[in-house]
């Protein structure tokens, strides 16, 4: 799936999109290796907040700089910039966890699956996560996918509210491998209408 996704994006030549909101430009663009230290700073800021709210989706061990570097190498990592500062990031992949099948999903279906989505604490609730998810939707349509699938810790109520606001539907919850015992993840899916336009 990953090689197919990168091939399709390469043919499309999609590298960035600019969103204008409240007189401030937010640019969504492909990440570079130079962005990884800034992203890791954001991760270092958000993980303690997540743990304090009993959201154990991330930890001191995950995600690592290596995870994001591999995303960059695979051309899957995107960043949100405001005033030339990286304020968020997400890996827009096609990688579905095997446990997704436990809610009745056919994981052979092509889907864009955002992973490692993070937003600077100083920029939360300002549309950054929504912009990254809208980018995922645009990429899905351009790549011939008609669905977005995503998991989030059941304790992450803010993310769940955002997903519902953006038109995602709750599909159930599962436990995922290599996560803290007892942690449950809510699964959401958004089905997309076919696109008749090109995003270039």
N, C-alpha and C. Protein backbone atom coordinates (compact mmCIF):
# COMPACT_ATOMS: atom_id res chain seq x y z
N UNK A 1 0.82 -1.20 0.00
CA UNK A 1 0.00 0.00 0.00
C UNK A 1 0.86 1.25 0.00
N UNK A 2 1.93 1.27 0.82
CA UNK A 2 2.74 2.47 0.92
C UNK A 2 3.35 2.81 -0.42
N UNK A 3 3.92 1.83 -1.15
CA UNK A 3 4.56 2.13 -2.43
C UNK A 3 3.53 2.63 -3.42
N UNK A 4 2.31 2.06 -3.41
CA UNK A 4 1.25 2.54 -4.31
C UNK A 4 0.92 3.99 -4.01
N UNK A 5 0.81 4.31 -2.74
CA UNK A 5 0.44 5.67 -2.32
C UNK A 5 1.49 6.66 -2.77
N UNK A 6 2.76 6.37 -2.54
CA UNK A 6 3.84 7.29 -2.93
C UNK A 6 3.87 7.46 -4.44
N UNK A 7 3.66 6.37 -5.17
CA UNK A 7 3.66 6.45 -6.63
C UNK A 7 2.57 7.37 -7.13
N UNK A 8 1.35 7.22 -6.58
CA UNK A 8 0.25 8.06 -7.02
C UNK A 8 0.50 9.52 -6.71
N UNK A 9 1.04 9.80 -5.53
CA UNK A 9 1.29 11.19 -5.16
C UNK A 9 2.37 11.78 -6.04
N UNK A 10 3.39 10.98 -6.36
CA UNK A 10 4.45 11.48 -7.22
C UNK A 10 3.93 11.88 -8.59
N UNK A 11 3.03 11.09 -9.10
CA UNK A 11 2.46 11.41 -10.41
C UNK A 11 1.61 12.68 -10.35
N UNK A 12 0.94 12.86 -9.22
CA UNK A 12 0.07 14.03 -9.09
C UNK A 12 0.85 15.31 -8.87
N UNK A 13 2.06 15.20 -8.34
CA UNK A 13 2.86 16.38 -8.10
C UNK A 13 2.34 17.25 -6.98
N UNK A 14 1.64 16.62 -5.99
CA UNK A 14 1.07 17.39 -4.88
C UNK A 14 2.14 17.60 -3.83
N UNK A 15 2.45 18.84 -3.52
CA UNK A 15 3.49 19.13 -2.54
C UNK A 15 3.01 20.03 -1.42
N UNK A 16 2.09 20.92 -1.69
CA UNK A 16 1.59 21.78 -0.62
C UNK A 16 0.25 22.40 -1.00
N UNK A 17 -0.46 22.85 0.00
CA UNK A 17 -1.70 23.58 -0.20
C UNK A 17 -1.75 24.65 0.88
N UNK A 18 -2.29 25.80 0.54
CA UNK A 18 -2.38 26.89 1.50
C UNK A 18 -3.83 27.14 1.86
N UNK A 19 -4.10 27.23 3.16
CA UNK A 19 -5.44 27.47 3.68
C UNK A 19 -5.47 28.85 4.31
N UNK A 20 -6.40 29.69 3.89
CA UNK A 20 -6.52 31.03 4.43
C UNK A 20 -7.64 31.05 5.46
N UNK A 21 -7.32 31.45 6.67
CA UNK A 21 -8.31 31.46 7.74
C UNK A 21 -8.02 32.62 8.68
N UNK A 22 -9.05 33.47 8.88
CA UNK A 22 -8.91 34.60 9.80
C UNK A 22 -7.66 35.44 9.48
N UNK A 23 -7.46 35.69 8.18
CA UNK A 23 -6.37 36.54 7.71
C UNK A 23 -4.99 35.96 8.01
N UNK A 24 -4.94 34.69 8.33
CA UNK A 24 -3.64 34.04 8.61
C UNK A 24 -3.51 32.85 7.67
N UNK A 25 -2.39 32.73 6.99
CA UNK A 25 -2.19 31.63 6.06
C UNK A 25 -1.59 30.43 6.78
N UNK A 26 -2.24 29.29 6.61
CA UNK A 26 -1.71 28.03 7.11
C UNK A 26 -1.34 27.19 5.90
N UNK A 27 -0.11 26.83 5.80
CA UNK A 27 0.34 26.02 4.68
C UNK A 27 0.50 24.57 5.11
N UNK A 28 -0.05 23.67 4.33
CA UNK A 28 0.15 22.24 4.54
C UNK A 28 1.10 21.77 3.44
N UNK A 29 2.25 21.27 3.84
CA UNK A 29 3.26 20.87 2.86
C UNK A 29 3.93 19.57 3.29
N UNK A 30 4.64 18.98 2.34
CA UNK A 30 5.43 17.79 2.65
C UNK A 30 6.53 18.15 3.65
N UNK A 31 6.75 17.27 4.58
CA UNK A 31 7.82 17.48 5.56
C UNK A 31 9.17 17.11 4.96
N UNK A 32 10.20 17.72 5.52
CA UNK A 32 11.58 17.39 5.18
C UNK A 32 12.29 16.91 6.44
N UNK A 33 13.48 16.37 6.27
CA UNK A 33 14.25 15.92 7.43
C UNK A 33 14.52 17.08 8.40
N UNK A 34 14.62 18.28 7.85
CA UNK A 34 14.87 19.44 8.69
C UNK A 34 13.71 19.77 9.62
N UNK A 35 12.52 19.24 9.32
CA UNK A 35 11.36 19.49 10.18
C UNK A 35 11.31 18.56 11.39
N UNK A 36 12.02 17.46 11.34
CA UNK A 36 11.88 16.44 12.38
C UNK A 36 12.23 16.96 13.77
N UNK A 37 13.32 17.73 13.97
CA UNK A 37 13.59 18.24 15.32
C UNK A 37 12.46 19.10 15.88
N UNK A 38 11.84 19.91 15.03
CA UNK A 38 10.72 20.74 15.49
C UNK A 38 9.53 19.86 15.86
N UNK A 39 9.28 18.85 15.04
CA UNK A 39 8.17 17.93 15.33
C UNK A 39 8.42 17.21 16.65
N UNK A 40 9.65 16.81 16.90
CA UNK A 40 9.96 16.11 18.15
C UNK A 40 9.82 17.05 19.34
N UNK A 41 10.08 18.34 19.14
CA UNK A 41 9.83 19.31 20.21
C UNK A 41 8.34 19.36 20.54
N UNK A 42 7.51 19.36 19.49
CA UNK A 42 6.06 19.35 19.70
C UNK A 42 5.65 18.07 20.43
N UNK A 43 6.19 16.94 20.01
CA UNK A 43 5.88 15.67 20.67
C UNK A 43 6.25 15.73 22.14
N UNK A 44 7.43 16.30 22.42
CA UNK A 44 7.87 16.42 23.80
C UNK A 44 6.97 17.30 24.65
N UNK A 45 6.26 18.21 24.00
CA UNK A 45 5.33 19.09 24.71
C UNK A 45 3.97 18.43 24.93
N UNK A 46 3.53 17.64 23.94
CA UNK A 46 2.17 17.09 24.04
C UNK A 46 2.10 15.79 24.83
N UNK A 47 3.16 14.99 24.83
CA UNK A 47 3.09 13.70 25.52
C UNK A 47 2.78 13.86 27.02
N UNK A 48 3.46 14.78 27.75
CA UNK A 48 3.09 14.93 29.17
C UNK A 48 1.64 15.33 29.36
N UNK A 49 1.11 16.14 28.46
CA UNK A 49 -0.30 16.53 28.56
C UNK A 49 -1.22 15.34 28.32
N UNK A 50 -0.84 14.50 27.37
CA UNK A 50 -1.62 13.30 27.08
C UNK A 50 -1.62 12.36 28.29
N UNK A 51 -0.44 12.12 28.84
CA UNK A 51 -0.34 11.20 29.98
C UNK A 51 -1.10 11.72 31.19
N UNK A 52 -1.07 13.04 31.37
CA UNK A 52 -1.78 13.63 32.51
C UNK A 52 -3.29 13.43 32.41
N UNK A 53 -3.79 13.29 31.18
CA UNK A 53 -5.22 13.07 30.98
C UNK A 53 -5.54 11.59 30.79
N UNK A 54 -4.55 10.72 31.12
CA UNK A 54 -4.71 9.27 31.00
C UNK A 54 -4.89 8.80 29.57
N UNK A 55 -4.37 9.59 28.65
CA UNK A 55 -4.34 9.21 27.24
C UNK A 55 -2.97 8.58 26.98
N UNK A 56 -2.95 7.26 26.91
CA UNK A 56 -1.68 6.55 26.81
C UNK A 56 -1.36 6.11 25.38
N UNK A 57 -1.90 6.84 24.41
CA UNK A 57 -1.64 6.50 23.01
C UNK A 57 -0.16 6.69 22.69
N UNK A 58 0.45 7.74 23.25
CA UNK A 58 1.87 7.99 23.06
C UNK A 58 2.59 7.90 24.40
N UNK A 59 3.92 7.83 24.32
CA UNK A 59 4.71 7.70 25.54
C UNK A 59 6.10 8.26 25.29
N UNK A 60 7.00 8.08 26.25
CA UNK A 60 8.38 8.51 26.07
C UNK A 60 9.09 7.67 25.01
N UNK A 61 8.51 6.51 24.70
CA UNK A 61 9.13 5.60 23.72
C UNK A 61 8.54 5.72 22.32
N UNK A 62 7.39 6.35 22.20
CA UNK A 62 6.73 6.44 20.90
C UNK A 62 5.89 7.71 20.84
N UNK A 63 5.93 8.42 19.71
CA UNK A 63 6.75 8.19 18.52
C UNK A 63 8.16 8.74 18.69
N UNK A 64 9.09 8.21 17.92
CA UNK A 64 10.48 8.63 17.98
C UNK A 64 10.85 9.42 16.74
N UNK A 65 12.02 10.05 16.79
CA UNK A 65 12.51 10.76 15.62
C UNK A 65 12.65 9.81 14.43
N UNK A 66 13.03 8.57 14.72
CA UNK A 66 13.18 7.59 13.65
C UNK A 66 11.85 7.33 12.95
N UNK A 67 10.77 7.28 13.72
CA UNK A 67 9.44 7.09 13.11
C UNK A 67 9.15 8.20 12.10
N UNK A 68 9.42 9.44 12.49
CA UNK A 68 9.13 10.57 11.60
C UNK A 68 10.12 10.62 10.43
N UNK A 69 11.37 10.25 10.68
CA UNK A 69 12.35 10.22 9.59
C UNK A 69 11.95 9.20 8.53
N UNK A 70 11.45 8.06 8.98
CA UNK A 70 10.98 7.05 8.03
C UNK A 70 9.77 7.55 7.26
N UNK A 71 8.91 8.30 7.93
CA UNK A 71 7.76 8.89 7.24
C UNK A 71 8.22 9.87 6.16
N UNK A 72 9.23 10.68 6.47
CA UNK A 72 9.76 11.62 5.49
C UNK A 72 10.34 10.88 4.30
N UNK A 73 11.13 9.84 4.57
CA UNK A 73 11.75 9.08 3.49
C UNK A 73 10.71 8.46 2.57
N UNK A 74 9.59 8.05 3.16
CA UNK A 74 8.51 7.44 2.37
C UNK A 74 7.57 8.47 1.77
N UNK A 75 7.86 9.76 1.98
CA UNK A 75 7.04 10.87 1.46
C UNK A 75 5.61 10.82 2.01
N UNK A 76 5.48 10.43 3.26
CA UNK A 76 4.16 10.31 3.89
C UNK A 76 3.90 11.38 4.93
N UNK A 77 4.93 12.11 5.33
CA UNK A 77 4.77 13.07 6.43
C UNK A 77 4.47 14.46 5.90
N UNK A 78 3.45 15.09 6.49
CA UNK A 78 3.03 16.43 6.12
C UNK A 78 3.06 17.31 7.36
N UNK A 79 3.36 18.59 7.16
CA UNK A 79 3.38 19.53 8.27
C UNK A 79 2.46 20.70 7.98
N UNK A 80 1.97 21.29 9.07
CA UNK A 80 1.20 22.53 8.99
C UNK A 80 2.11 23.66 9.45
N UNK A 81 2.16 24.72 8.66
CA UNK A 81 2.98 25.89 8.99
C UNK A 81 2.10 27.12 9.13
N UNK A 82 2.36 27.91 10.14
CA UNK A 82 1.73 29.21 10.31
C UNK A 82 2.84 30.22 10.53
N UNK A 83 2.87 31.24 9.71
CA UNK A 83 3.91 32.27 9.81
C UNK A 83 5.31 31.64 9.80
N UNK A 84 5.49 30.67 8.88
CA UNK A 84 6.77 29.98 8.67
C UNK A 84 7.21 29.12 9.86
N UNK A 85 6.31 28.84 10.76
CA UNK A 85 6.63 27.96 11.90
C UNK A 85 5.81 26.69 11.80
N UNK A 86 6.47 25.54 11.95
CA UNK A 86 5.77 24.27 11.96
C UNK A 86 4.97 24.16 13.25
N UNK A 87 3.66 23.95 13.12
CA UNK A 87 2.78 23.90 14.29
C UNK A 87 2.06 22.57 14.41
N UNK A 88 2.24 21.68 13.45
CA UNK A 88 1.60 20.38 13.52
C UNK A 88 2.12 19.47 12.43
N UNK A 89 1.84 18.19 12.57
CA UNK A 89 2.31 17.21 11.60
C UNK A 89 1.43 15.98 11.63
N UNK A 90 1.44 15.24 10.54
CA UNK A 90 0.73 13.97 10.48
C UNK A 90 1.32 13.12 9.36
N UNK A 91 1.42 11.83 9.61
CA UNK A 91 1.79 10.88 8.57
C UNK A 91 0.50 10.39 7.92
N UNK A 92 0.35 10.65 6.64
CA UNK A 92 -0.86 10.27 5.92
C UNK A 92 -0.54 9.01 5.13
N UNK A 93 -0.89 7.89 5.70
CA UNK A 93 -0.46 6.58 5.21
C UNK A 93 -1.63 5.78 4.66
N UNK A 94 -1.34 4.56 4.26
CA UNK A 94 -2.37 3.58 3.93
C UNK A 94 -2.24 2.36 4.84
N UNK A 95 -1.62 2.54 5.98
CA UNK A 95 -1.32 1.42 6.87
C UNK A 95 -2.44 1.22 7.89
N UNK A 96 -3.21 0.15 7.71
CA UNK A 96 -4.28 -0.19 8.63
C UNK A 96 -3.82 -1.28 9.59
N UNK A 97 -4.12 -1.10 10.86
CA UNK A 97 -3.74 -2.09 11.86
C UNK A 97 -4.62 -3.33 11.69
N UNK A 98 -4.05 -4.53 11.91
CA UNK A 98 -4.86 -5.76 11.78
C UNK A 98 -6.11 -5.73 12.65
N UNK A 99 -6.01 -5.08 13.81
CA UNK A 99 -7.15 -5.05 14.74
C UNK A 99 -8.34 -4.26 14.19
N UNK A 100 -8.14 -3.45 13.16
CA UNK A 100 -9.25 -2.71 12.57
C UNK A 100 -10.34 -3.67 12.08
N UNK A 101 -9.94 -4.87 11.72
CA UNK A 101 -10.92 -5.85 11.23
C UNK A 101 -11.91 -6.25 12.32
N UNK A 102 -11.57 -6.00 13.57
CA UNK A 102 -12.44 -6.40 14.68
C UNK A 102 -13.72 -5.58 14.77
N UNK A 103 -13.79 -4.45 14.04
CA UNK A 103 -15.03 -3.67 14.03
C UNK A 103 -15.80 -3.88 12.73
N UNK A 104 -15.40 -4.90 11.98
CA UNK A 104 -16.10 -5.22 10.75
C UNK A 104 -15.54 -4.58 9.50
N UNK A 105 -14.43 -3.85 9.65
CA UNK A 105 -13.82 -3.24 8.47
C UNK A 105 -13.07 -4.29 7.67
N UNK A 106 -13.13 -4.17 6.35
CA UNK A 106 -12.28 -4.97 5.47
C UNK A 106 -10.99 -4.19 5.28
N UNK A 107 -9.91 -4.65 5.91
CA UNK A 107 -8.67 -3.87 5.85
C UNK A 107 -7.97 -4.00 4.50
N UNK A 108 -8.57 -4.78 3.59
CA UNK A 108 -8.06 -4.81 2.22
C UNK A 108 -8.58 -3.61 1.43
N UNK A 109 -9.61 -2.93 1.95
CA UNK A 109 -10.11 -1.72 1.29
C UNK A 109 -9.04 -0.64 1.32
N UNK A 110 -8.87 0.05 0.21
CA UNK A 110 -7.92 1.15 0.19
C UNK A 110 -8.46 2.31 1.04
N UNK A 111 -7.62 2.84 1.90
CA UNK A 111 -8.02 3.96 2.76
C UNK A 111 -6.79 4.77 3.11
N UNK A 112 -6.98 6.06 3.26
CA UNK A 112 -5.92 6.89 3.83
C UNK A 112 -6.08 6.81 5.34
N UNK A 113 -4.96 6.56 6.03
CA UNK A 113 -4.99 6.36 7.48
C UNK A 113 -3.99 7.31 8.13
N UNK A 114 -4.44 8.42 8.70
CA UNK A 114 -3.52 9.32 9.38
C UNK A 114 -2.95 8.67 10.65
N UNK A 115 -1.66 8.83 10.83
CA UNK A 115 -0.97 8.36 12.04
C UNK A 115 -0.07 9.50 12.54
N UNK A 116 0.28 9.41 13.82
CA UNK A 116 1.24 10.34 14.43
C UNK A 116 0.87 11.81 14.21
N UNK A 117 -0.41 12.10 14.36
CA UNK A 117 -0.88 13.48 14.21
C UNK A 117 -0.62 14.24 15.51
N UNK A 118 0.09 15.34 15.40
CA UNK A 118 0.39 16.15 16.60
C UNK A 118 0.25 17.63 16.26
N UNK A 119 -0.14 18.40 17.27
CA UNK A 119 -0.31 19.84 17.13
C UNK A 119 0.32 20.51 18.34
N UNK A 120 1.06 21.57 18.10
CA UNK A 120 1.68 22.32 19.19
C UNK A 120 0.61 22.76 20.20
N UNK A 121 0.88 22.62 21.50
CA UNK A 121 -0.11 23.04 22.50
C UNK A 121 -0.54 24.50 22.34
N UNK A 122 0.35 25.34 21.83
CA UNK A 122 0.00 26.76 21.66
C UNK A 122 -0.90 27.00 20.46
N UNK A 123 -1.08 25.97 19.62
CA UNK A 123 -1.90 26.13 18.41
C UNK A 123 -3.10 25.19 18.39
N UNK A 124 -3.36 24.51 19.48
CA UNK A 124 -4.51 23.62 19.51
C UNK A 124 -5.81 24.41 19.51
N UNK A 125 -6.85 23.78 18.97
CA UNK A 125 -8.17 24.39 18.81
C UNK A 125 -8.14 25.61 17.89
N UNK A 126 -7.19 25.60 16.95
CA UNK A 126 -7.10 26.69 15.97
C UNK A 126 -7.17 26.16 14.54
N UNK A 127 -7.68 24.94 14.37
CA UNK A 127 -7.89 24.41 13.04
C UNK A 127 -6.73 23.65 12.43
N UNK A 128 -5.66 23.44 13.19
CA UNK A 128 -4.49 22.77 12.63
C UNK A 128 -4.78 21.30 12.35
N UNK A 129 -5.30 20.58 13.33
CA UNK A 129 -5.62 19.17 13.13
C UNK A 129 -6.66 19.01 12.02
N UNK A 130 -7.65 19.90 11.99
CA UNK A 130 -8.67 19.83 10.95
C UNK A 130 -8.05 20.01 9.57
N UNK A 131 -7.10 20.94 9.45
CA UNK A 131 -6.45 21.18 8.16
C UNK A 131 -5.66 19.96 7.70
N UNK A 132 -4.98 19.29 8.64
CA UNK A 132 -4.23 18.09 8.28
C UNK A 132 -5.17 16.96 7.86
N UNK A 133 -6.30 16.84 8.52
CA UNK A 133 -7.27 15.82 8.15
C UNK A 133 -7.94 16.15 6.82
N UNK A 134 -8.15 17.43 6.55
CA UNK A 134 -8.69 17.83 5.25
C UNK A 134 -7.69 17.52 4.13
N UNK A 135 -6.40 17.65 4.45
CA UNK A 135 -5.38 17.27 3.48
C UNK A 135 -5.45 15.78 3.20
N UNK A 136 -5.67 14.98 4.25
CA UNK A 136 -5.81 13.54 4.07
C UNK A 136 -6.97 13.22 3.14
N UNK A 137 -8.06 13.96 3.31
CA UNK A 137 -9.23 13.76 2.47
C UNK A 137 -8.92 14.10 1.01
N UNK A 138 -8.24 15.20 0.80
CA UNK A 138 -7.88 15.60 -0.57
C UNK A 138 -6.96 14.57 -1.22
N UNK A 139 -6.00 14.06 -0.47
CA UNK A 139 -5.10 13.05 -1.01
C UNK A 139 -5.85 11.77 -1.34
N UNK A 140 -6.79 11.40 -0.49
CA UNK A 140 -7.57 10.19 -0.74
C UNK A 140 -8.30 10.29 -2.06
N UNK A 141 -8.95 11.41 -2.29
CA UNK A 141 -9.70 11.60 -3.53
C UNK A 141 -8.77 11.58 -4.73
N UNK A 142 -7.61 12.21 -4.61
CA UNK A 142 -6.67 12.24 -5.72
C UNK A 142 -6.09 10.86 -6.00
N UNK A 143 -5.98 10.03 -4.97
CA UNK A 143 -5.38 8.70 -5.13
C UNK A 143 -6.40 7.62 -5.43
N UNK A 144 -7.66 8.01 -5.58
CA UNK A 144 -8.68 7.03 -5.90
C UNK A 144 -9.22 6.28 -4.71
N UNK A 145 -8.95 6.74 -3.49
CA UNK A 145 -9.54 6.14 -2.29
C UNK A 145 -10.85 6.84 -1.97
N UNK A 146 -11.77 6.11 -1.37
CA UNK A 146 -13.04 6.76 -1.02
C UNK A 146 -13.30 6.73 0.47
N UNK A 147 -12.22 6.57 1.26
CA UNK A 147 -12.44 6.53 2.70
C UNK A 147 -11.19 6.95 3.47
N UNK A 148 -11.43 7.55 4.62
CA UNK A 148 -10.39 7.86 5.59
C UNK A 148 -10.69 7.05 6.84
N UNK A 149 -9.68 6.40 7.40
CA UNK A 149 -9.84 5.66 8.64
C UNK A 149 -8.80 6.14 9.64
N UNK A 150 -9.19 6.21 10.89
CA UNK A 150 -8.27 6.73 11.90
C UNK A 150 -8.61 6.12 13.25
N UNK A 151 -7.60 5.93 14.08
CA UNK A 151 -7.83 5.50 15.45
C UNK A 151 -7.33 6.59 16.40
N UNK A 152 -7.96 6.67 17.56
CA UNK A 152 -7.54 7.60 18.59
C UNK A 152 -7.89 7.01 19.94
N UNK A 153 -7.11 7.29 20.95
CA UNK A 153 -7.36 6.77 22.28
C UNK A 153 -8.75 7.19 22.75
N UNK A 154 -9.46 6.27 23.39
CA UNK A 154 -10.80 6.61 23.86
C UNK A 154 -10.79 7.74 24.88
N UNK A 155 -9.63 8.01 25.50
CA UNK A 155 -9.53 9.11 26.45
C UNK A 155 -9.33 10.45 25.77
N UNK A 156 -9.07 10.43 24.47
CA UNK A 156 -8.85 11.67 23.72
C UNK A 156 -10.20 12.20 23.22
N UNK A 157 -10.96 12.78 24.13
CA UNK A 157 -12.30 13.23 23.79
C UNK A 157 -12.29 14.38 22.80
N UNK A 158 -11.28 15.25 22.88
CA UNK A 158 -11.20 16.37 21.95
C UNK A 158 -11.07 15.90 20.51
N UNK A 159 -10.22 14.91 20.28
CA UNK A 159 -10.04 14.38 18.93
C UNK A 159 -11.32 13.72 18.44
N UNK A 160 -12.00 13.01 19.32
CA UNK A 160 -13.24 12.35 18.92
C UNK A 160 -14.31 13.37 18.54
N UNK A 161 -14.38 14.46 19.28
CA UNK A 161 -15.34 15.51 18.93
C UNK A 161 -15.01 16.11 17.57
N UNK A 162 -13.72 16.34 17.33
CA UNK A 162 -13.30 16.91 16.04
C UNK A 162 -13.66 15.98 14.90
N UNK A 163 -13.40 14.69 15.06
CA UNK A 163 -13.71 13.74 14.00
C UNK A 163 -15.20 13.72 13.69
N UNK A 164 -16.02 13.75 14.71
CA UNK A 164 -17.46 13.80 14.49
C UNK A 164 -17.86 15.09 13.76
N UNK A 165 -17.25 16.19 14.14
CA UNK A 165 -17.54 17.48 13.51
C UNK A 165 -17.17 17.46 12.03
N UNK A 166 -16.12 16.72 11.69
CA UNK A 166 -15.65 16.65 10.30
C UNK A 166 -16.37 15.58 9.49
N UNK A 167 -17.33 14.92 10.08
CA UNK A 167 -18.13 13.97 9.32
C UNK A 167 -17.70 12.52 9.43
N UNK A 168 -16.80 12.21 10.36
CA UNK A 168 -16.40 10.83 10.57
C UNK A 168 -17.47 10.12 11.39
N UNK A 169 -17.59 8.81 11.17
CA UNK A 169 -18.53 8.01 11.93
C UNK A 169 -17.78 7.01 12.82
N UNK A 170 -18.24 6.90 14.05
CA UNK A 170 -17.64 5.98 15.01
C UNK A 170 -17.97 4.55 14.60
N UNK A 171 -16.95 3.68 14.60
CA UNK A 171 -17.14 2.29 14.16
C UNK A 171 -17.00 1.28 15.29
N UNK A 172 -16.45 1.69 16.41
CA UNK A 172 -16.23 0.77 17.52
C UNK A 172 -14.89 1.05 18.15
N UNK A 173 -14.52 0.23 19.13
CA UNK A 173 -13.22 0.42 19.76
C UNK A 173 -12.50 -0.92 19.91
N UNK A 174 -11.19 -0.85 19.92
CA UNK A 174 -10.35 -2.05 19.95
C UNK A 174 -9.13 -1.78 20.82
N UNK A 175 -8.45 -2.84 21.17
CA UNK A 175 -7.11 -2.75 21.75
C UNK A 175 -6.11 -2.95 20.61
N UNK A 176 -5.02 -2.22 20.65
CA UNK A 176 -4.00 -2.34 19.61
C UNK A 176 -2.72 -2.93 20.19
N UNK A 177 -2.03 -3.70 19.38
CA UNK A 177 -0.76 -4.30 19.81
C UNK A 177 0.26 -3.21 20.11
N UNK A 178 1.18 -3.53 20.99
CA UNK A 178 2.30 -2.64 21.32
C UNK A 178 1.85 -1.33 21.95
N UNK A 179 0.73 -1.34 22.64
CA UNK A 179 0.27 -0.16 23.39
C UNK A 179 0.05 -0.58 24.84
N UNK A 180 -0.07 0.41 25.70
CA UNK A 180 -0.23 0.13 27.13
C UNK A 180 -1.44 -0.75 27.39
N UNK A 181 -1.25 -1.77 28.22
CA UNK A 181 -2.32 -2.70 28.52
C UNK A 181 -3.54 -1.97 29.09
N UNK A 182 -4.69 -2.30 28.58
CA UNK A 182 -5.92 -1.67 29.03
C UNK A 182 -6.33 -0.46 28.22
N UNK A 183 -5.43 0.05 27.38
CA UNK A 183 -5.76 1.22 26.55
C UNK A 183 -6.64 0.79 25.39
N UNK A 184 -7.72 1.52 25.19
CA UNK A 184 -8.64 1.22 24.10
C UNK A 184 -8.61 2.35 23.08
N UNK A 185 -8.85 2.00 21.84
CA UNK A 185 -8.79 2.97 20.76
C UNK A 185 -10.11 3.00 20.02
N UNK A 186 -10.64 4.20 19.85
CA UNK A 186 -11.87 4.40 19.09
C UNK A 186 -11.52 4.50 17.61
N UNK A 187 -12.27 3.80 16.78
CA UNK A 187 -12.04 3.81 15.34
C UNK A 187 -13.13 4.63 14.66
N UNK A 188 -12.68 5.48 13.72
CA UNK A 188 -13.59 6.34 12.98
C UNK A 188 -13.32 6.20 11.48
N UNK A 189 -14.36 6.37 10.70
CA UNK A 189 -14.24 6.28 9.24
C UNK A 189 -15.08 7.38 8.60
N UNK A 190 -14.55 7.92 7.51
CA UNK A 190 -15.31 8.88 6.71
C UNK A 190 -15.30 8.41 5.27
N UNK A 191 -16.49 8.21 4.71
CA UNK A 191 -16.61 7.84 3.31
C UNK A 191 -16.70 9.10 2.47
N UNK A 192 -16.00 9.10 1.35
CA UNK A 192 -15.88 10.29 0.53
C UNK A 192 -16.60 10.12 -0.80
N UNK A 193 -17.15 11.21 -1.27
CA UNK A 193 -17.77 11.22 -2.58
C UNK A 193 -16.65 11.34 -3.63
N UNK A 194 -16.80 10.71 -4.77
CA UNK A 194 -15.76 10.81 -5.84
C UNK A 194 -15.52 12.26 -6.20
N UNK A 195 -14.25 12.59 -6.47
CA UNK A 195 -13.89 13.95 -6.85
C UNK A 195 -13.91 14.11 -8.36
N UNK A 196 -14.39 15.25 -8.81
CA UNK A 196 -14.39 15.54 -10.25
C UNK A 196 -13.39 16.63 -10.59
N UNK A 197 -12.61 17.06 -9.56
CA UNK A 197 -11.63 18.11 -9.79
C UNK A 197 -10.27 17.61 -9.36
N UNK A 198 -9.24 18.32 -9.76
CA UNK A 198 -7.87 17.95 -9.43
C UNK A 198 -7.27 18.97 -8.50
N UNK A 199 -6.57 18.48 -7.47
CA UNK A 199 -5.91 19.38 -6.51
C UNK A 199 -4.44 19.47 -6.87
N UNK A 200 -4.03 20.56 -7.51
CA UNK A 200 -2.63 20.73 -7.92
C UNK A 200 -2.20 22.12 -7.52
